[in-house]
């Protein structure tokens, strides 16, 4: 016996895009009207993450000599990756 599905769901894929031309924004709006795309807001930053950033900034202000430059950080990561 064959059963037919009422709805065939497509996999959901999320893209972050930067619209560079006005006509492209119009295409996105048209797709939204056809319910082909959904425009999402950026997810909120969790409170625990904000708290951690505040803590780290406070530590940095108290101990600026412990700061590591971005270049030093990249070098260390590359060394660890070997």
PDB file of N, CA and C in Angstrom:
ATOM      1  N   UNK A   1       0.840  -1.179   0.000  1.00  0.00           N
ATOM      2  CA  UNK A   1       0.000   0.000   0.000  1.00  0.00           C
ATOM      3  C   UNK A   1       0.892   1.251   0.000  1.00  0.00           C
ATOM      4  N   UNK A   2       0.592   2.211  -0.836  1.00  0.00           N
ATOM      5  CA  UNK A   2       1.363   3.447  -0.901  1.00  0.00           C
ATOM      6  C   UNK A   2       0.710   4.517  -0.037  1.00  0.00           C
ATOM      7  N   UNK A   3       1.544   5.228   0.645  1.00  0.00           N
ATOM      8  CA  UNK A   3       1.056   6.378   1.419  1.00  0.00           C
ATOM      9  C   UNK A   3       1.723   7.628   0.867  1.00  0.00           C
ATOM     10  N   UNK A   4       0.953   8.645   0.746  1.00  0.00           N
ATOM     11  CA  UNK A   4       1.486   9.901   0.238  1.00  0.00           C
ATOM     12  C   UNK A   4       1.622  10.888   1.392  1.00  0.00           C
ATOM     13  N   UNK A   5       2.719  11.582   1.385  1.00  0.00           N
ATOM     14  CA  UNK A   5       2.933  12.613   2.399  1.00  0.00           C
ATOM     15  C   UNK A   5       2.201  13.879   1.988  1.00  0.00           C
ATOM     16  N   UNK A   6       1.538  14.482   2.957  1.00  0.00           N
ATOM     17  CA  UNK A   6       0.854  15.746   2.667  1.00  0.00           C
ATOM     18  C   UNK A   6       1.866  16.859   2.424  1.00  0.00           C
ATOM     19  N   UNK A   7       2.916  16.882   3.243  1.00  0.00           N
ATOM     20  CA  UNK A   7       3.928  17.936   3.140  1.00  0.00           C
ATOM     21  C   UNK A   7       5.297  17.293   3.046  1.00  0.00           C
ATOM     22  N   UNK A   8       6.048  17.719   2.103  1.00  0.00           N
ATOM     23  CA  UNK A   8       7.430  17.283   2.022  1.00  0.00           C
ATOM     24  C   UNK A   8       8.261  18.454   2.518  1.00  0.00           C
ATOM     25  N   UNK A   9       8.955  18.254   3.623  1.00  0.00           N
ATOM     26  CA  UNK A   9       9.705  19.372   4.181  1.00  0.00           C
ATOM     27  C   UNK A   9      11.112  19.407   3.600  1.00  0.00           C
ATOM     28  N   UNK A  10      11.518  20.589   3.265  1.00  0.00           N
ATOM     29  CA  UNK A  10      12.858  20.811   2.745  1.00  0.00           C
ATOM     30  C   UNK A  10      13.783  21.072   3.925  1.00  0.00           C
ATOM     31  N   UNK A  11      15.048  20.703   3.796  1.00  0.00           N
ATOM     32  CA  UNK A  11      15.976  21.010   4.882  1.00  0.00           C
ATOM     33  C   UNK A  11      16.112  22.523   5.040  1.00  0.00           C
ATOM     34  N   UNK A  12      16.253  22.942   6.263  1.00  0.00           N
ATOM     35  CA  UNK A  12      16.392  24.370   6.547  1.00  0.00           C
ATOM     36  C   UNK A  12      17.872  24.727   6.527  1.00  0.00           C
ATOM     37  N   UNK A  13      18.211  25.712   5.736  1.00  0.00           N
ATOM     38  CA  UNK A  13      19.578  26.192   5.659  1.00  0.00           C
ATOM     39  C   UNK A  13      19.576  27.667   6.012  1.00  0.00           C
ATOM     40  N   UNK A  14      20.481  28.066   6.866  1.00  0.00           N
ATOM     41  CA  UNK A  14      20.576  29.466   7.272  1.00  0.00           C
ATOM     42  C   UNK A  14      21.827  30.078   6.669  1.00  0.00           C
ATOM     43  N   UNK A  15      21.655  31.212   6.014  1.00  0.00           N
ATOM     44  CA  UNK A  15      22.762  31.955   5.438  1.00  0.00           C
ATOM     45  C   UNK A  15      22.797  33.347   6.061  1.00  0.00           C
ATOM     46  N   UNK A  16      23.974  33.861   6.258  1.00  0.00           N
ATOM     47  CA  UNK A  16      24.143  35.258   6.647  1.00  0.00           C
ATOM     48  C   UNK A  16      24.642  35.958   5.398  1.00  0.00           C
ATOM     49  N   UNK A  17      23.865  36.913   4.921  1.00  0.00           N
ATOM     50  CA  UNK A  17      24.222  37.566   3.661  1.00  0.00           C
ATOM     51  C   UNK A  17      24.292  39.080   3.846  1.00  0.00           C
ATOM     52  N   UNK A  18      25.072  39.694   2.989  1.00  0.00           N
ATOM     53  CA  UNK A  18      25.138  41.156   2.926  1.00  0.00           C
ATOM     54  C   UNK A  18      24.587  41.529   1.565  1.00  0.00           C
ATOM     55  N   UNK A  19      23.515  42.295   1.542  1.00  0.00           N
ATOM     56  CA  UNK A  19      22.883  42.696   0.282  1.00  0.00           C
ATOM     57  C   UNK A  19      23.589  43.952  -0.216  1.00  0.00           C
ATOM     58  N   UNK A  20      24.153  43.862  -1.426  1.00  0.00           N
ATOM     59  CA  UNK A  20      24.974  44.944  -1.944  1.00  0.00           C
ATOM     60  C   UNK A  20      24.267  45.811  -2.984  1.00  0.00           C
ATOM     61  N   UNK A  21      23.181  45.320  -3.542  1.00  0.00           N
ATOM     62  CA  UNK A  21      22.470  46.067  -4.584  1.00  0.00           C
ATOM     63  C   UNK A  21      20.993  46.173  -4.214  1.00  0.00           C
ATOM     64  N   UNK A  22      20.382  47.298  -4.556  1.00  0.00           N
ATOM     65  CA  UNK A  22      18.964  47.508  -4.239  1.00  0.00           C
ATOM     66  C   UNK A  22      18.075  46.448  -4.868  1.00  0.00           C
ATOM     67  N   UNK A  23      18.378  46.066  -6.118  1.00  0.00           N
ATOM     68  CA  UNK A  23      17.523  45.081  -6.780  1.00  0.00           C
ATOM     69  C   UNK A  23      17.578  43.731  -6.055  1.00  0.00           C
ATOM     70  N   UNK A  24      18.715  43.420  -5.440  1.00  0.00           N
ATOM     71  CA  UNK A  24      18.823  42.159  -4.694  1.00  0.00           C
ATOM     72  C   UNK A  24      17.937  42.203  -3.452  1.00  0.00           C
ATOM     73  N   UNK A  25      17.867  43.356  -2.811  1.00  0.00           N
ATOM     74  CA  UNK A  25      16.984  43.506  -1.649  1.00  0.00           C
ATOM     75  C   UNK A  25      15.532  43.303  -2.079  1.00  0.00           C
ATOM     76  N   UNK A  26      15.181  43.798  -3.254  1.00  0.00           N
ATOM     77  CA  UNK A  26      13.815  43.616  -3.771  1.00  0.00           C
ATOM     78  C   UNK A  26      13.519  42.134  -4.029  1.00  0.00           C
ATOM     79  N   UNK A  27      14.512  41.413  -4.535  1.00  0.00           N
ATOM     80  CA  UNK A  27      14.335  39.977  -4.765  1.00  0.00           C
ATOM     81  C   UNK A  27      14.088  39.268  -3.430  1.00  0.00           C
ATOM     82  N   UNK A  28      14.845  39.622  -2.421  1.00  0.00           N
ATOM     83  CA  UNK A  28      14.669  39.019  -1.086  1.00  0.00           C
ATOM     84  C   UNK A  28      13.261  39.319  -0.570  1.00  0.00           C
ATOM     85  N   UNK A  29      12.806  40.560  -0.744  1.00  0.00           N
ATOM     86  CA  UNK A  29      11.459  40.932  -0.293  1.00  0.00           C
ATOM     87  C   UNK A  29      10.397  40.121  -1.024  1.00  0.00           C
ATOM     88  N   UNK A  30      10.592  39.926  -2.335  1.00  0.00           N
ATOM     89  CA  UNK A  30       9.637  39.124  -3.108  1.00  0.00           C
ATOM     90  C   UNK A  30       9.614  37.679  -2.611  1.00  0.00           C
ATOM     91  N   UNK A  31      10.781  37.123  -2.349  1.00  0.00           N
ATOM     92  CA  UNK A  31      10.854  35.765  -1.817  1.00  0.00           C
ATOM     93  C   UNK A  31      10.170  35.664  -0.455  1.00  0.00           C
ATOM     94  N   UNK A  32      10.318  36.702   0.336  1.00  0.00           N
ATOM     95  CA  UNK A  32       9.668  36.724   1.647  1.00  0.00           C
ATOM     96  C   UNK A  32       8.142  36.753   1.477  1.00  0.00           C
ATOM     97  N   UNK A  33       7.653  37.534   0.540  1.00  0.00           N
ATOM     98  CA  UNK A  33       6.212  37.596   0.285  1.00  0.00           C
ATOM     99  C   UNK A  33       5.665  36.247  -0.159  1.00  0.00           C
ATOM    100  N   UNK A  34       6.482  35.476  -0.900  1.00  0.00           N
ATOM    101  CA  UNK A  34       6.063  34.150  -1.363  1.00  0.00           C
ATOM    102  C   UNK A  34       6.268  33.082  -0.289  1.00  0.00           C
ATOM    103  N   UNK A  35       6.702  33.509   0.881  1.00  0.00           N
ATOM    104  CA  UNK A  35       6.982  32.616   2.002  1.00  0.00           C
ATOM    105  C   UNK A  35       8.083  31.605   1.655  1.00  0.00           C
ATOM    106  N   UNK A  36       9.002  32.032   0.783  1.00  0.00           N
ATOM    107  CA  UNK A  36      10.121  31.181   0.394  1.00  0.00           C
ATOM    108  C   UNK A  36      11.330  31.385   1.295  1.00  0.00           C
ATOM    109  N   UNK A  37      11.406  32.550   1.918  1.00  0.00           N
ATOM    110  CA  UNK A  37      12.494  32.833   2.855  1.00  0.00           C
ATOM    111  C   UNK A  37      11.918  33.489   4.095  1.00  0.00           C
ATOM    112  N   UNK A  38      12.642  33.358   5.163  1.00  0.00           N
ATOM    113  CA  UNK A  38      12.265  34.005   6.425  1.00  0.00           C
ATOM    114  C   UNK A  38      13.442  34.859   6.854  1.00  0.00           C
ATOM    115  N   UNK A  39      13.193  36.119   7.118  1.00  0.00           N
ATOM    116  CA  UNK A  39      14.258  37.002   7.576  1.00  0.00           C
ATOM    117  C   UNK A  39      14.374  36.869   9.088  1.00  0.00           C
ATOM    118  N   UNK A  40      15.569  36.521   9.545  1.00  0.00           N
ATOM    119  CA  UNK A  40      15.805  36.284  10.964  1.00  0.00           C
ATOM    120  C   UNK A  40      16.576  37.441  11.572  1.00  0.00           C
ATOM    121  N   UNK A  41      16.296  37.701  12.817  1.00  0.00           N
ATOM    122  CA  UNK A  41      17.069  38.680  13.560  1.00  0.00           C
ATOM    123  C   UNK A  41      18.297  37.977  14.126  1.00  0.00           C
ATOM    124  N   UNK A  42      19.329  38.743  14.410  1.00  0.00           N
ATOM    125  CA  UNK A  42      20.497  38.159  15.058  1.00  0.00           C
ATOM    126  C   UNK A  42      20.068  37.641  16.423  1.00  0.00           C
ATOM    127  N   UNK A  43      20.555  36.483  16.802  1.00  0.00           N
ATOM    128  CA  UNK A  43      20.172  35.965  18.119  1.00  0.00           C
ATOM    129  C   UNK A  43      20.726  36.861  19.221  1.00  0.00           C
ATOM    130  N   UNK A  44      19.995  36.996  20.314  1.00  0.00           N
ATOM    131  CA  UNK A  44      20.490  37.843  21.397  1.00  0.00           C
ATOM    132  C   UNK A  44      21.720  37.210  22.048  1.00  0.00           C
ATOM    133  N   UNK A  45      22.582  38.054  22.572  1.00  0.00           N
ATOM    134  CA  UNK A  45      23.770  37.559  23.280  1.00  0.00           C
ATOM    135  C   UNK A  45      23.316  37.086  24.655  1.00  0.00           C
ATOM    136  N   UNK A  46      23.634  35.839  25.018  1.00  0.00           N
ATOM    137  CA  UNK A  46      23.196  35.322  26.316  1.00  0.00           C
ATOM    138  C   UNK A  46      23.797  36.118  27.473  1.00  0.00           C
ATOM    139  N   UNK A  47      23.060  36.213  28.550  1.00  0.00           N
ATOM    140  CA  UNK A  47      23.499  36.989  29.705  1.00  0.00           C
ATOM    141  C   UNK A  47      24.812  36.470  30.277  1.00  0.00           C
ATOM    142  N   UNK A  48      25.006  35.143  30.289  1.00  0.00           N
ATOM    143  CA  UNK A  48      26.247  34.583  30.831  1.00  0.00           C
ATOM    144  C   UNK A  48      27.449  35.066  30.028  1.00  0.00           C
ATOM    145  N   UNK A  49      27.266  35.245  28.713  1.00  0.00           N
ATOM    146  CA  UNK A  49      28.364  35.689  27.872  1.00  0.00           C
ATOM    147  C   UNK A  49      28.678  37.166  28.120  1.00  0.00           C
ATOM    148  N   UNK A  50      27.654  37.977  28.286  1.00  0.00           N
ATOM    149  CA  UNK A  50      27.864  39.387  28.616  1.00  0.00           C
ATOM    150  C   UNK A  50      28.602  39.516  29.942  1.00  0.00           C
ATOM    151  N   UNK A  51      28.202  38.704  30.915  1.00  0.00           N
ATOM    152  CA  UNK A  51      28.834  38.724  32.237  1.00  0.00           C
ATOM    153  C   UNK A  51      30.316  38.361  32.134  1.00  0.00           C
ATOM    154  N   UNK A  52      30.616  37.362  31.331  1.00  0.00           N
ATOM    155  CA  UNK A  52      32.004  36.928  31.150  1.00  0.00           C
ATOM    156  C   UNK A  52      32.843  38.023  30.501  1.00  0.00           C
ATOM    157  N   UNK A  53      32.289  38.712  29.508  1.00  0.00           N
ATOM    158  CA  UNK A  53      33.013  39.802  28.850  1.00  0.00           C
ATOM    159  C   UNK A  53      33.283  40.931  29.840  1.00  0.00           C
ATOM    160  N   UNK A  54      32.271  41.282  30.641  1.00  0.00           N
ATOM    161  CA  UNK A  54      32.472  42.338  31.651  1.00  0.00           C
ATOM    162  C   UNK A  54      33.570  41.950  32.635  1.00  0.00           C
ATOM    163  N   UNK A  55      33.576  40.681  33.042  1.00  0.00           N
ATOM    164  CA  UNK A  55      34.598  40.194  33.990  1.00  0.00           C
ATOM    165  C   UNK A  55      35.989  40.292  33.371  1.00  0.00           C
ATOM    166  N   UNK A  56      36.111  39.887  32.119  1.00  0.00           N
ATOM    167  CA  UNK A  56      37.412  39.925  31.451  1.00  0.00           C
ATOM    168  C   UNK A  56      37.893  41.348  31.224  1.00  0.00           C
ATOM    169  N   UNK A  57      36.965  42.253  30.904  1.00  0.00           N
ATOM    170  CA  UNK A  57      37.352  43.661  30.735  1.00  0.00           C
ATOM    171  C   UNK A  57      37.830  44.260  32.055  1.00  0.00           C
ATOM    172  N   UNK A  58      37.146  43.913  33.121  1.00  0.00           N
ATOM    173  CA  UNK A  58      37.551  44.399  34.437  1.00  0.00           C
ATOM    174  C   UNK A  58      38.950  43.884  34.790  1.00  0.00           C
ATOM    175  N   UNK A  59      39.210  42.602  34.519  1.00  0.00           N
ATOM    176  CA  UNK A  59      40.536  42.028  34.764  1.00  0.00           C
ATOM    177  C   UNK A  59      41.605  42.726  33.931  1.00  0.00           C
ATOM    178  N   UNK A  60      41.279  43.026  32.686  1.00  0.00           N
ATOM    179  CA  UNK A  60      42.219  43.698  31.805  1.00  0.00           C
ATOM    180  C   UNK A  60      42.539  45.102  32.307  1.00  0.00           C
ATOM    181  N   UNK A  61      41.519  45.813  32.811  1.00  0.00           N
ATOM    182  CA  UNK A  61      41.751  47.155  33.337  1.00  0.00           C
ATOM    183  C   UNK A  61      42.635  47.113  34.587  1.00  0.00           C
ATOM    184  N   UNK A  62      42.468  46.077  35.404  1.00  0.00           N
ATOM    185  CA  UNK A  62      43.285  45.939  36.613  1.00  0.00           C
ATOM    186  C   UNK A  62      44.706  45.490  36.291  1.00  0.00           C
ATOM    187  N   UNK A  63      44.858  44.680  35.259  1.00  0.00           N
ATOM    188  CA  UNK A  63      46.156  44.087  34.917  1.00  0.00           C
ATOM    189  C   UNK A  63      46.454  44.241  33.422  1.00  0.00           C
ATOM    190  N   UNK A  64      46.646  45.458  32.941  1.00  0.00           N
ATOM    191  CA  UNK A  64      46.862  45.650  31.505  1.00  0.00           C
ATOM    192  C   UNK A  64      48.121  44.951  30.979  1.00  0.00           C
ATOM    193  N   UNK A  65      49.086  44.706  31.844  1.00  0.00           N
ATOM    194  CA  UNK A  65      50.332  44.054  31.401  1.00  0.00           C
ATOM    195  C   UNK A  65      50.096  42.590  31.016  1.00  0.00           C
ATOM    196  N   UNK A  66      48.982  42.019  31.431  1.00  0.00           N
ATOM    197  CA  UNK A  66      48.686  40.623  31.091  1.00  0.00           C
ATOM    198  C   UNK A  66      48.016  40.484  29.724  1.00  0.00           C
ATOM    199  N   UNK A  67      47.731  41.598  29.078  1.00  0.00           N
ATOM    200  CA  UNK A  67      47.094  41.558  27.764  1.00  0.00           C
ATOM    201  C   UNK A  67      48.053  40.955  26.744  1.00  0.00           C
ATOM    202  N   UNK A  68      47.511  40.216  25.796  1.00  0.00           N
ATOM    203  CA  UNK A  68      48.298  39.590  24.736  1.00  0.00           C
ATOM    204  C   UNK A  68      47.800  40.146  23.409  1.00  0.00           C
ATOM    205  N   UNK A  69      48.731  40.545  22.553  1.00  0.00           N
ATOM    206  CA  UNK A  69      48.337  41.109  21.256  1.00  0.00           C
ATOM    207  C   UNK A  69      47.732  40.023  20.376  1.00  0.00           C
ATOM    208  N   UNK A  70      47.006  40.477  19.369  1.00  0.00           N
ATOM    209  CA  UNK A  70      46.387  39.535  18.443  1.00  0.00           C
ATOM    210  C   UNK A  70      47.462  38.710  17.730  1.00  0.00           C
ATOM    211  N   UNK A  71      48.555  39.371  17.294  1.00  0.00           N
ATOM    212  CA  UNK A  71      49.627  38.660  16.590  1.00  0.00           C
ATOM    213  C   UNK A  71      50.249  37.580  17.476  1.00  0.00           C
ATOM    214  N   UNK A  72      50.460  37.897  18.750  1.00  0.00           N
ATOM    215  CA  UNK A  72      51.005  36.901  19.676  1.00  0.00           C
ATOM    216  C   UNK A  72      50.035  35.731  19.827  1.00  0.00           C
ATOM    217  N   UNK A  73      48.774  36.035  19.894  1.00  0.00           N
ATOM    218  CA  UNK A  73      47.754  34.991  20.037  1.00  0.00           C
ATOM    219  C   UNK A  73      47.760  34.061  18.833  1.00  0.00           C
ATOM    220  N   UNK A  74      47.812  34.630  17.639  1.00  0.00           N
ATOM    221  CA  UNK A  74      47.831  33.824  16.414  1.00  0.00           C
ATOM    222  C   UNK A  74      49.067  32.934  16.395  1.00  0.00           C
ATOM    223  N   UNK A  75      50.232  33.488  16.757  1.00  0.00           N
ATOM    224  CA  UNK A  75      51.463  32.689  16.786  1.00  0.00           C
ATOM    225  C   UNK A  75      51.317  31.502  17.738  1.00  0.00           C
ATOM    226  N   UNK A  76      50.766  31.771  18.912  1.00  0.00           N
ATOM    227  CA  UNK A  76      50.606  30.705  19.904  1.00  0.00           C
ATOM    228  C   UNK A  76      49.647  29.608  19.400  1.00  0.00           C
ATOM    229  N   UNK A  77      48.567  30.021  18.763  1.00  0.00           N
ATOM    230  CA  UNK A  77      47.609  29.049  18.219  1.00  0.00           C
ATOM    231  C   UNK A  77      48.282  28.189  17.151  1.00  0.00           C
ATOM    232  N   UNK A  78      49.078  28.818  16.281  1.00  0.00           N
ATOM    233  CA  UNK A  78      49.778  28.071  15.232  1.00  0.00           C
ATOM    234  C   UNK A  78      50.768  27.086  15.834  1.00  0.00           C
ATOM    235  N   UNK A  79      51.445  27.505  16.888  1.00  0.00           N
ATOM    236  CA  UNK A  79      52.376  26.599  17.558  1.00  0.00           C
ATOM    237  C   UNK A  79      51.653  25.408  18.171  1.00  0.00           C
ATOM    238  N   UNK A  80      50.519  25.662  18.783  1.00  0.00           N
ATOM    239  CA  UNK A  80      49.746  24.595  19.403  1.00  0.00           C
ATOM    240  C   UNK A  80      49.161  23.630  18.372  1.00  0.00           C
ATOM    241  N   UNK A  81      48.914  24.143  17.172  1.00  0.00           N
ATOM    242  CA  UNK A  81      48.315  23.331  16.114  1.00  0.00           C
ATOM    243  C   UNK A  81      49.316  22.373  15.465  1.00  0.00           C
ATOM    244  N   UNK A  82      50.599  22.599  15.693  1.00  0.00           N
ATOM    245  CA  UNK A  82      51.633  21.737  15.065  1.00  0.00           C
ATOM    246  C   UNK A  82      51.633  20.372  15.656  1.00  0.00           C
TER     247      UNK A  82
END
